[in-house]
Protein backbone atom coordinates (compact mmCIF):
# COMPACT_ATOMS: atom_id res chain seq x y z
CA UNK A 1 -13.04 7.43 -7.59
CA UNK A 2 -16.15 9.48 -7.39
CA UNK A 3 -18.17 9.69 -4.20
CA UNK A 4 -21.79 8.60 -4.64
CA UNK A 5 -24.60 7.80 -2.26
CA UNK A 6 -26.98 4.93 -3.01
CA UNK A 7 -30.62 5.85 -3.80
CA UNK A 8 -32.04 5.17 -0.34
CA UNK A 9 -29.24 7.15 1.43
CA UNK A 10 -29.75 9.96 -1.08
CA UNK A 11 -33.51 10.08 -0.39
CA UNK A 12 -32.92 10.14 3.40
CA UNK A 13 -30.23 12.87 3.05
CA UNK A 14 -32.47 15.06 0.89
CA UNK A 15 -35.41 14.61 3.26
CA UNK A 16 -33.38 15.55 6.32
CA UNK A 17 -31.76 18.44 4.43
CA UNK A 18 -35.15 19.83 3.30
CA UNK A 19 -36.74 19.57 6.79
CA UNK A 20 -33.72 21.11 8.54
CA UNK A 21 -33.36 24.00 6.08
CA UNK A 22 -37.07 24.80 6.37
CA UNK A 23 -36.75 24.71 10.18
CA UNK A 24 -33.75 27.06 10.16
CA UNK A 25 -35.45 29.40 7.69
CA UNK A 26 -38.59 29.69 9.82
CA UNK A 27 -36.54 30.11 12.97
CA UNK A 28 -34.35 32.77 11.32
CA UNK A 29 -37.39 34.66 10.06
CA UNK A 30 -39.16 34.43 13.43
CA UNK A 31 -36.20 35.86 15.36
CA UNK A 32 -35.85 39.01 13.31
CA UNK A 33 -37.62 41.28 10.94
CA UNK A 34 -36.54 39.57 7.71
CA UNK A 35 -37.51 40.71 4.24
CA UNK A 36 -39.55 38.11 2.30
CA UNK A 37 -37.24 38.51 -0.73
CA UNK A 38 -34.27 37.48 1.46
CA UNK A 39 -36.22 34.39 2.52
CA UNK A 40 -36.92 33.41 -1.11
CA UNK A 41 -33.28 33.93 -2.05
CA UNK A 42 -32.18 31.80 0.90
CA UNK A 43 -34.63 29.06 -0.06
CA UNK A 44 -33.49 29.09 -3.72
CA UNK A 45 -29.91 28.85 -2.56
CA UNK A 46 -30.70 25.74 -0.49
CA UNK A 47 -32.52 24.16 -3.44
CA UNK A 48 -29.63 25.02 -5.78
CA UNK A 49 -27.18 23.14 -3.52
CA UNK A 50 -29.27 19.95 -3.73
CA UNK A 51 -29.71 20.40 -7.54
CA UNK A 52 -25.96 20.69 -8.03
CA UNK A 53 -25.31 17.58 -5.94
CA UNK A 54 -27.81 15.64 -8.05
CA UNK A 55 -26.35 16.93 -11.34
CA UNK A 56 -22.83 15.95 -10.19
CA UNK A 57 -24.22 12.45 -9.49
CA UNK A 58 -23.22 12.60 -5.86
CA UNK A 59 -26.86 12.16 -4.87
CA UNK A 60 -28.87 9.57 -6.72
CA UNK A 61 -32.48 9.92 -5.56
CA UNK A 62 -35.22 7.56 -6.61
CA UNK A 63 -37.83 9.40 -4.54
CA UNK A 64 -38.45 6.43 -2.23
CA UNK A 65 -39.42 4.25 -5.18
CA UNK A 66 -42.32 6.44 -6.29
CA UNK A 67 -40.87 7.25 -9.73
CA UNK A 68 -39.54 3.83 -10.79
CA UNK A 69 -38.96 3.66 -14.49
CA UNK A 70 -40.88 1.03 -16.34
CA UNK A 71 -38.75 -1.59 -18.02
CA UNK A 72 -39.53 -2.27 -21.63
CA UNK A 73 -41.04 -5.70 -22.23
CA UNK A 74 -39.66 -7.84 -24.99
């Protein structure tokens, strides 16, 4: 059995993840003299984690209903 989150839970998880990682990145950069390249690599790493979870179908975002697919009319 594969673990999957429903679309609303996936959207909430991704939103909380994005806000928290941005907070930690800004806090990390503020506390020390951090190279901008390191910040970009860290940000890409966080985005890659979410991308992998979506590709593995663990997360199933529907972007809070903004990108609903149109059903074909018969």
